[in-house]
Amino acid sequence: MPELLNGEDLVFVTKHGKLTGILVPLAEPLELPVELRHDLLERLGAAISKHLDERGVGEERVMGDFEKWKRDRRTGRGR
């Protein structure tokens, strides 16, 4: 996988023979226009929210898991 991320070619991701994503390697990600980065972040957030909603995972669980992860990380158990 690292060779795909470090390459220069587009990578088409499929699931059951259908296109589900495209990996676009970026030499300089910060050179993307701010508007495009905002749009990508909004779309990613909406997709994650939909995924969690479909599985019945609410904000309380996400925040609880995050707090546990932070606590475990501080005590060295999250490594």
PDB file of N, CA and C in Angstrom:
ATOM      1  N   MET A   1       0.802  -1.198   0.000  1.00  0.00           N
ATOM      2  CA  MET A   1       0.000   0.000   0.000  1.00  0.00           C
ATOM      3  C   MET A   1       0.849   1.270   0.000  1.00  0.00           C
ATOM      4  N   PRO A   2       1.964   1.335   0.752  1.00  0.00           N
ATOM      5  CA  PRO A   2       2.756   2.577   0.739  1.00  0.00           C
ATOM      6  C   PRO A   2       3.218   2.971  -0.657  1.00  0.00           C
ATOM      7  N   GLU A   3       3.527   1.984  -1.487  1.00  0.00           N
ATOM      8  CA  GLU A   3       3.967   2.327  -2.842  1.00  0.00           C
ATOM      9  C   GLU A   3       2.852   3.010  -3.634  1.00  0.00           C
ATOM     10  N   LEU A   4       1.605   2.680  -3.343  1.00  0.00           N
ATOM     11  CA  LEU A   4       0.484   3.344  -4.015  1.00  0.00           C
ATOM     12  C   LEU A   4       0.346   4.786  -3.537  1.00  0.00           C
ATOM     13  N   LEU A   5       0.537   4.987  -2.237  1.00  0.00           N
ATOM     14  CA  LEU A   5       0.400   6.337  -1.686  1.00  0.00           C
ATOM     15  C   LEU A   5       1.547   7.245  -2.115  1.00  0.00           C
ATOM     16  N   ASN A   6       2.709   6.662  -2.327  1.00  0.00           N
ATOM     17  CA  ASN A   6       3.872   7.456  -2.713  1.00  0.00           C
ATOM     18  C   ASN A   6       4.033   7.572  -4.222  1.00  0.00           C
ATOM     19  N   GLY A   7       3.183   6.899  -4.975  1.00  0.00           N
ATOM     20  CA  GLY A   7       3.289   6.931  -6.426  1.00  0.00           C
ATOM     21  C   GLY A   7       2.714   8.202  -7.020  1.00  0.00           C
ATOM     22  N   GLU A   8       2.766   8.244  -8.340  1.00  0.00           N
ATOM     23  CA  GLU A   8       2.252   9.411  -9.058  1.00  0.00           C
ATOM     24  C   GLU A   8       0.975   9.102  -9.822  1.00  0.00           C
ATOM     25  N   ASP A   9       0.587   7.828  -9.864  1.00  0.00           N
ATOM     26  CA  ASP A   9      -0.574   7.416 -10.644  1.00  0.00           C
ATOM     27  C   ASP A   9      -1.854   7.415  -9.809  1.00  0.00           C
ATOM     28  N   LEU A  10      -2.978   7.703 -10.483  1.00  0.00           N
ATOM     29  CA  LEU A  10      -4.281   7.563  -9.828  1.00  0.00           C
ATOM     30  C   LEU A  10      -4.496   6.091  -9.499  1.00  0.00           C
ATOM     31  N   VAL A  11      -5.159   5.830  -8.372  1.00  0.00           N
ATOM     32  CA  VAL A  11      -5.487   4.462  -7.986  1.00  0.00           C
ATOM     33  C   VAL A  11      -7.004   4.383  -7.895  1.00  0.00           C
ATOM     34  N   PHE A  12      -7.587   3.488  -8.682  1.00  0.00           N
ATOM     35  CA  PHE A  12      -9.030   3.298  -8.669  1.00  0.00           C
ATOM     36  C   PHE A  12      -9.359   2.196  -7.667  1.00  0.00           C
ATOM     37  N   VAL A  13     -10.256   2.488  -6.733  1.00  0.00           N
ATOM     38  CA  VAL A  13     -10.646   1.551  -5.695  1.00  0.00           C
ATOM     39  C   VAL A  13     -12.008   0.977  -6.071  1.00  0.00           C
ATOM     40  N   THR A  14     -12.090  -0.349  -6.044  1.00  0.00           N
ATOM     41  CA  THR A  14     -13.350  -0.996  -6.404  1.00  0.00           C
ATOM     42  C   THR A  14     -13.826  -1.904  -5.273  1.00  0.00           C
ATOM     43  N   LYS A  15     -15.111  -2.131  -5.267  1.00  0.00           N
ATOM     44  CA  LYS A  15     -15.727  -3.064  -4.333  1.00  0.00           C
ATOM     45  C   LYS A  15     -16.746  -3.851  -5.124  1.00  0.00           C
ATOM     46  N   HIS A  16     -16.554  -5.140  -5.156  1.00  0.00           N
ATOM     47  CA  HIS A  16     -17.427  -6.023  -5.929  1.00  0.00           C
ATOM     48  C   HIS A  16     -17.515  -5.580  -7.391  1.00  0.00           C
ATOM     49  N   GLY A  17     -16.373  -5.145  -7.913  1.00  0.00           N
ATOM     50  CA  GLY A  17     -16.302  -4.766  -9.317  1.00  0.00           C
ATOM     51  C   GLY A  17     -16.831  -3.382  -9.649  1.00  0.00           C
ATOM     52  N   LYS A  18     -17.255  -2.631  -8.646  1.00  0.00           N
ATOM     53  CA  LYS A  18     -17.778  -1.281  -8.892  1.00  0.00           C
ATOM     54  C   LYS A  18     -16.840  -0.248  -8.286  1.00  0.00           C
ATOM     55  N   LEU A  19     -16.638   0.832  -8.995  1.00  0.00           N
ATOM     56  CA  LEU A  19     -15.775   1.903  -8.536  1.00  0.00           C
ATOM     57  C   LEU A  19     -16.360   2.535  -7.270  1.00  0.00           C
ATOM     58  N   THR A  20     -15.555   2.585  -6.209  1.00  0.00           N
ATOM     59  CA  THR A  20     -16.016   3.186  -4.959  1.00  0.00           C
ATOM     60  C   THR A  20     -15.167   4.373  -4.538  1.00  0.00           C
ATOM     61  N   GLY A  21     -14.030   4.551  -5.184  1.00  0.00           N
ATOM     62  CA  GLY A  21     -13.188   5.677  -4.821  1.00  0.00           C
ATOM     63  C   GLY A  21     -12.007   5.808  -5.757  1.00  0.00           C
ATOM     64  N   ILE A  22     -11.364   6.945  -5.658  1.00  0.00           N
ATOM     65  CA  ILE A  22     -10.173   7.216  -6.450  1.00  0.00           C
ATOM     66  C   ILE A  22      -9.154   7.869  -5.525  1.00  0.00           C
ATOM     67  N   LEU A  23      -7.968   7.285  -5.475  1.00  0.00           N
ATOM     68  CA  LEU A  23      -6.873   7.849  -4.696  1.00  0.00           C
ATOM     69  C   LEU A  23      -6.049   8.728  -5.620  1.00  0.00           C
ATOM     70  N   VAL A  24      -5.910   9.978  -5.246  1.00  0.00           N
ATOM     71  CA  VAL A  24      -5.137  10.928  -6.035  1.00  0.00           C
ATOM     72  C   VAL A  24      -3.918  11.334  -5.210  1.00  0.00           C
ATOM     73  N   PRO A  25      -2.760  10.772  -5.520  1.00  0.00           N
ATOM     74  CA  PRO A  25      -1.558  11.146  -4.761  1.00  0.00           C
ATOM     75  C   PRO A  25      -1.228  12.627  -4.972  1.00  0.00           C
ATOM     76  N   LEU A  26      -0.897  13.307  -3.900  1.00  0.00           N
ATOM     77  CA  LEU A  26      -0.578  14.728  -3.970  1.00  0.00           C
ATOM     78  C   LEU A  26       0.834  14.953  -3.457  1.00  0.00           C
ATOM     79  N   ALA A  27       1.675  15.551  -4.276  1.00  0.00           N
ATOM     80  CA  ALA A  27       3.034  15.865  -3.844  1.00  0.00           C
ATOM     81  C   ALA A  27       3.002  16.963  -2.785  1.00  0.00           C
ATOM     82  N   GLU A  28       2.126  17.927  -2.962  1.00  0.00           N
ATOM     83  CA  GLU A  28       2.007  19.056  -2.026  1.00  0.00           C
ATOM     84  C   GLU A  28       0.534  19.286  -1.690  1.00  0.00           C
ATOM     85  N   PRO A  29      -0.019  18.527  -0.719  1.00  0.00           N
ATOM     86  CA  PRO A  29      -1.442  18.647  -0.378  1.00  0.00           C
ATOM     87  C   PRO A  29      -1.876  20.059   0.000  1.00  0.00           C
ATOM     88  N   LEU A  30      -0.979  20.823   0.608  1.00  0.00           N
ATOM     89  CA  LEU A  30      -1.354  22.177   1.030  1.00  0.00           C
ATOM     90  C   LEU A  30      -1.519  23.129  -0.140  1.00  0.00           C
ATOM     91  N   GLU A  31      -1.137  22.690  -1.331  1.00  0.00           N
ATOM     92  CA  GLU A  31      -1.326  23.527  -2.511  1.00  0.00           C
ATOM     93  C   GLU A  31      -2.756  23.441  -3.062  1.00  0.00           C
ATOM     94  N   LEU A  32      -3.568  22.524  -2.504  1.00  0.00           N
ATOM     95  CA  LEU A  32      -4.969  22.463  -2.913  1.00  0.00           C
ATOM     96  C   LEU A  32      -5.657  23.754  -2.495  1.00  0.00           C
ATOM     97  N   PRO A  33      -6.511  24.293  -3.337  1.00  0.00           N
ATOM     98  CA  PRO A  33      -7.240  25.511  -2.946  1.00  0.00           C
ATOM     99  C   PRO A  33      -8.056  25.280  -1.672  1.00  0.00           C
ATOM    100  N   VAL A  34      -8.105  26.287  -0.831  1.00  0.00           N
ATOM    101  CA  VAL A  34      -8.811  26.190   0.446  1.00  0.00           C
ATOM    102  C   VAL A  34     -10.265  25.777   0.232  1.00  0.00           C
ATOM    103  N   GLU A  35     -10.920  26.321  -0.795  1.00  0.00           N
ATOM    104  CA  GLU A  35     -12.329  25.983  -1.056  1.00  0.00           C
ATOM    105  C   GLU A  35     -12.483  24.490  -1.327  1.00  0.00           C
ATOM    106  N   LEU A  36     -11.550  23.913  -2.065  1.00  0.00           N
ATOM    107  CA  LEU A  36     -11.607  22.482  -2.376  1.00  0.00           C
ATOM    108  C   LEU A  36     -11.390  21.661  -1.105  1.00  0.00           C
ATOM    109  N   ARG A  37     -10.440  22.069  -0.272  1.00  0.00           N
ATOM    110  CA  ARG A  37     -10.205  21.346   0.986  1.00  0.00           C
ATOM    111  C   ARG A  37     -11.430  21.411   1.882  1.00  0.00           C
ATOM    112  N   HIS A  38     -12.087  22.562   1.944  1.00  0.00           N
ATOM    113  CA  HIS A  38     -13.311  22.695   2.759  1.00  0.00           C
ATOM    114  C   HIS A  38     -14.407  21.782   2.222  1.00  0.00           C
ATOM    115  N   ASP A  39     -14.593  21.774   0.908  1.00  0.00           N
ATOM    116  CA  ASP A  39     -15.613  20.934   0.294  1.00  0.00           C
ATOM    117  C   ASP A  39     -15.331  19.455   0.564  1.00  0.00           C
ATOM    118  N   LEU A  40     -14.076  19.044   0.418  1.00  0.00           N
ATOM    119  CA  LEU A  40     -13.716  17.644   0.688  1.00  0.00           C
ATOM    120  C   LEU A  40     -13.987  17.285   2.142  1.00  0.00           C
ATOM    121  N   LEU A  41     -13.637  18.182   3.061  1.00  0.00           N
ATOM    122  CA  LEU A  41     -13.866  17.931   4.481  1.00  0.00           C
ATOM    123  C   LEU A  41     -15.355  17.827   4.796  1.00  0.00           C
ATOM    124  N   GLU A  42     -16.169  18.702   4.216  1.00  0.00           N
ATOM    125  CA  GLU A  42     -17.620  18.633   4.433  1.00  0.00           C
ATOM    126  C   GLU A  42     -18.194  17.330   3.907  1.00  0.00           C
ATOM    127  N   ARG A  43     -17.761  16.924   2.721  1.00  0.00           N
ATOM    128  CA  ARG A  43     -18.259  15.671   2.139  1.00  0.00           C
ATOM    129  C   ARG A  43     -17.815  14.462   2.951  1.00  0.00           C
ATOM    130  N   LEU A  44     -16.570  14.476   3.413  1.00  0.00           N
ATOM    131  CA  LEU A  44     -16.073  13.379   4.233  1.00  0.00           C
ATOM    132  C   LEU A  44     -16.846  13.310   5.548  1.00  0.00           C
ATOM    133  N   GLY A  45     -17.065  14.450   6.174  1.00  0.00           N
ATOM    134  CA  GLY A  45     -17.832  14.485   7.415  1.00  0.00           C
ATOM    135  C   GLY A  45     -19.250  13.957   7.229  1.00  0.00           C
ATOM    136  N   ALA A  46     -19.887  14.342   6.133  1.00  0.00           N
ATOM    137  CA  ALA A  46     -21.251  13.857   5.854  1.00  0.00           C
ATOM    138  C   ALA A  46     -21.250  12.345   5.627  1.00  0.00           C
ATOM    139  N   ALA A  47     -20.241  11.840   4.928  1.00  0.00           N
ATOM    140  CA  ALA A  47     -20.168  10.397   4.665  1.00  0.00           C
ATOM    141  C   ALA A  47     -19.937   9.624   5.963  1.00  0.00           C
ATOM    142  N   ILE A  48     -19.076  10.137   6.837  1.00  0.00           N
ATOM    143  CA  ILE A  48     -18.827   9.474   8.121  1.00  0.00           C
ATOM    144  C   ILE A  48     -20.085   9.514   8.981  1.00  0.00           C
ATOM    145  N   SER A  49     -20.759  10.659   9.007  1.00  0.00           N
ATOM    146  CA  SER A  49     -21.989  10.791   9.784  1.00  0.00           C
ATOM    147  C   SER A  49     -23.050   9.805   9.310  1.00  0.00           C
ATOM    148  N   LYS A  50     -23.216   9.697   8.004  1.00  0.00           N
ATOM    149  CA  LYS A  50     -24.194   8.754   7.440  1.00  0.00           C
ATOM    150  C   LYS A  50     -23.831   7.320   7.814  1.00  0.00           C
ATOM    151  N   HIS A  51     -22.554   6.989   7.707  1.00  0.00           N
ATOM    152  CA  HIS A  51     -22.074   5.644   8.038  1.00  0.00           C
ATOM    153  C   HIS A  51     -22.387   5.311   9.501  1.00  0.00           C
ATOM    154  N   LEU A  52     -22.108   6.248  10.398  1.00  0.00           N
ATOM    155  CA  LEU A  52     -22.372   6.016  11.815  1.00  0.00           C
ATOM    156  C   LEU A  52     -23.866   5.935  12.097  1.00  0.00           C
ATOM    157  N   ASP A  53     -24.644   6.819  11.502  1.00  0.00           N
ATOM    158  CA  ASP A  53     -26.106   6.813  11.692  1.00  0.00           C
ATOM    159  C   ASP A  53     -26.705   5.488  11.243  1.00  0.00           C
ATOM    160  N   GLU A  54     -26.251   4.980  10.110  1.00  0.00           N
ATOM    161  CA  GLU A  54     -26.773   3.708   9.595  1.00  0.00           C
ATOM    162  C   GLU A  54     -26.483   2.543  10.536  1.00  0.00           C
ATOM    163  N   ARG A  55     -25.472   2.700  11.369  1.00  0.00           N
ATOM    164  CA  ARG A  55     -25.095   1.643  12.296  1.00  0.00           C
ATOM    165  C   ARG A  55     -25.570   1.930  13.727  1.00  0.00           C
ATOM    166  N   GLY A  56     -26.325   3.000  13.888  1.00  0.00           N
ATOM    167  CA  GLY A  56     -26.873   3.331  15.198  1.00  0.00           C
ATOM    168  C   GLY A  56     -25.852   3.858  16.192  1.00  0.00           C
ATOM    169  N   VAL A  57     -24.759   4.400  15.696  1.00  0.00           N
ATOM    170  CA  VAL A  57     -23.724   4.933  16.577  1.00  0.00           C
ATOM    171  C   VAL A  57     -23.972   6.427  16.751  1.00  0.00           C
ATOM    172  N   GLY A  58     -24.245   6.826  17.985  1.00  0.00           N
ATOM    173  CA  GLY A  58     -24.569   8.222  18.263  1.00  0.00           C
ATOM    174  C   GLY A  58     -23.379   9.017  18.757  1.00  0.00           C
ATOM    175  N   GLU A  59     -23.609  10.312  18.924  1.00  0.00           N
ATOM    176  CA  GLU A  59     -22.554  11.228  19.352  1.00  0.00           C
ATOM    177  C   GLU A  59     -21.997  10.843  20.718  1.00  0.00           C
ATOM    178  N   GLU A  60     -22.862  10.397  21.625  1.00  0.00           N
ATOM    179  CA  GLU A  60     -22.412  10.036  22.967  1.00  0.00           C
ATOM    180  C   GLU A  60     -21.381   8.912  22.906  1.00  0.00           C
ATOM    181  N   ARG A  61     -21.637   7.917  22.069  1.00  0.00           N
ATOM    182  CA  ARG A  61     -20.698   6.796  21.957  1.00  0.00           C
ATOM    183  C   ARG A  61     -19.376   7.255  21.343  1.00  0.00           C
ATOM    184  N   VAL A  62     -19.465   8.063  20.306  1.00  0.00           N
ATOM    185  CA  VAL A  62     -18.248   8.556  19.660  1.00  0.00           C
ATOM    186  C   VAL A  62     -17.416   9.353  20.657  1.00  0.00           C
ATOM    187  N   MET A  63     -18.058  10.254  21.386  1.00  0.00           N
ATOM    188  CA  MET A  63     -17.329  11.072  22.355  1.00  0.00           C
ATOM    189  C   MET A  63     -16.779  10.209  23.494  1.00  0.00           C
ATOM    190  N   GLY A  64     -17.548   9.230  23.927  1.00  0.00           N
ATOM    191  CA  GLY A  64     -17.074   8.320  24.975  1.00  0.00           C
ATOM    192  C   GLY A  64     -15.856   7.531  24.519  1.00  0.00           C
ATOM    193  N   ASP A  65     -15.908   7.022  23.305  1.00  0.00           N
ATOM    194  CA  ASP A  65     -14.760   6.289  22.749  1.00  0.00           C
ATOM    195  C   ASP A  65     -13.543   7.198  22.632  1.00  0.00           C
ATOM    196  N   PHE A  66     -13.772   8.439  22.222  1.00  0.00           N
ATOM    197  CA  PHE A  66     -12.672   9.386  22.086  1.00  0.00           C
ATOM    198  C   PHE A  66     -12.045   9.693  23.440  1.00  0.00           C
ATOM    199  N   GLU A  67     -12.885   9.925  24.439  1.00  0.00           N
ATOM    200  CA  GLU A  67     -12.373  10.205  25.783  1.00  0.00           C
ATOM    201  C   GLU A  67     -11.587   9.014  26.319  1.00  0.00           C
ATOM    202  N   LYS A  68     -12.081   7.802  26.095  1.00  0.00           N
ATOM    203  CA  LYS A  68     -11.368   6.591  26.528  1.00  0.00           C
ATOM    204  C   LYS A  68     -10.031   6.501  25.816  1.00  0.00           C
ATOM    205  N   TRP A  69     -10.012   6.771  24.521  1.00  0.00           N
ATOM    206  CA  TRP A  69      -8.768   6.725  23.754  1.00  0.00           C
ATOM    207  C   TRP A  69      -7.753   7.724  24.324  1.00  0.00           C
ATOM    208  N   LYS A  70      -8.209   8.950  24.642  1.00  0.00           N
ATOM    209  CA  LYS A  70      -7.303   9.955  25.202  1.00  0.00           C
ATOM    210  C   LYS A  70      -6.759   9.505  26.561  1.00  0.00           C
ATOM    211  N   ARG A  71      -7.648   8.959  27.388  1.00  0.00           N
ATOM    212  CA  ARG A  71      -7.248   8.495  28.719  1.00  0.00           C
ATOM    213  C   ARG A  71      -6.219   7.358  28.593  1.00  0.00           C
ATOM    214  N   ASP A  72      -6.521   6.385  27.726  1.00  0.00           N
ATOM    215  CA  ASP A  72      -5.609   5.254  27.534  1.00  0.00           C
ATOM    216  C   ASP A  72      -4.271   5.715  26.970  1.00  0.00           C
ATOM    217  N   ARG A  73      -4.310   6.685  26.102  1.00  0.00           N
ATOM    218  CA  ARG A  73      -3.086   7.200  25.487  1.00  0.00           C
ATOM    219  C   ARG A  73      -2.187   7.859  26.535  1.00  0.00           C
ATOM    220  N   ARG A  74      -2.815   8.586  27.457  1.00  0.00           N
ATOM    221  CA  ARG A  74      -2.044   9.249  28.516  1.00  0.00           C
ATOM    222  C   ARG A  74      -1.403   8.238  29.456  1.00  0.00           C
ATOM    223  N   THR A  75      -2.079   7.125  29.694  1.00  0.00           N
ATOM    224  CA  THR A  75      -1.558   6.121  30.629  1.00  0.00           C
ATOM    225  C   THR A  75      -0.685   5.088  29.931  1.00  0.00           C
ATOM    226  N   GLY A  76      -0.536   5.218  28.608  1.00  0.00           N
ATOM    227  CA  GLY A  76       0.332   4.305  27.871  1.00  0.00           C
ATOM    228  C   GLY A  76      -0.340   3.018  27.428  1.00  0.00           C
ATOM    229  N   ARG A  77      -1.645   2.871  27.653  1.00  0.00           N
ATOM    230  CA  ARG A  77      -2.349   1.650  27.250  1.00  0.00           C
ATOM    231  C   ARG A  77      -2.848   1.700  25.818  1.00  0.00           C
ATOM    232  N   GLY A  78      -2.807   2.877  25.199  1.00  0.00           N
ATOM    233  CA  GLY A  78      -3.360   3.009  23.848  1.00  0.00           C
ATOM    234  C   GLY A  78      -2.344   2.821  22.754  1.00  0.00           C
ATOM    235  N   ARG A  79      -1.212   2.238  23.061  1.00  0.00           N
ATOM    236  CA  ARG A  79      -0.159   2.071  22.042  1.00  0.00           C
ATOM    237  C   ARG A  79      -0.131   0.700  21.490  1.00  0.00           C
TER     238      ARG A  79
END
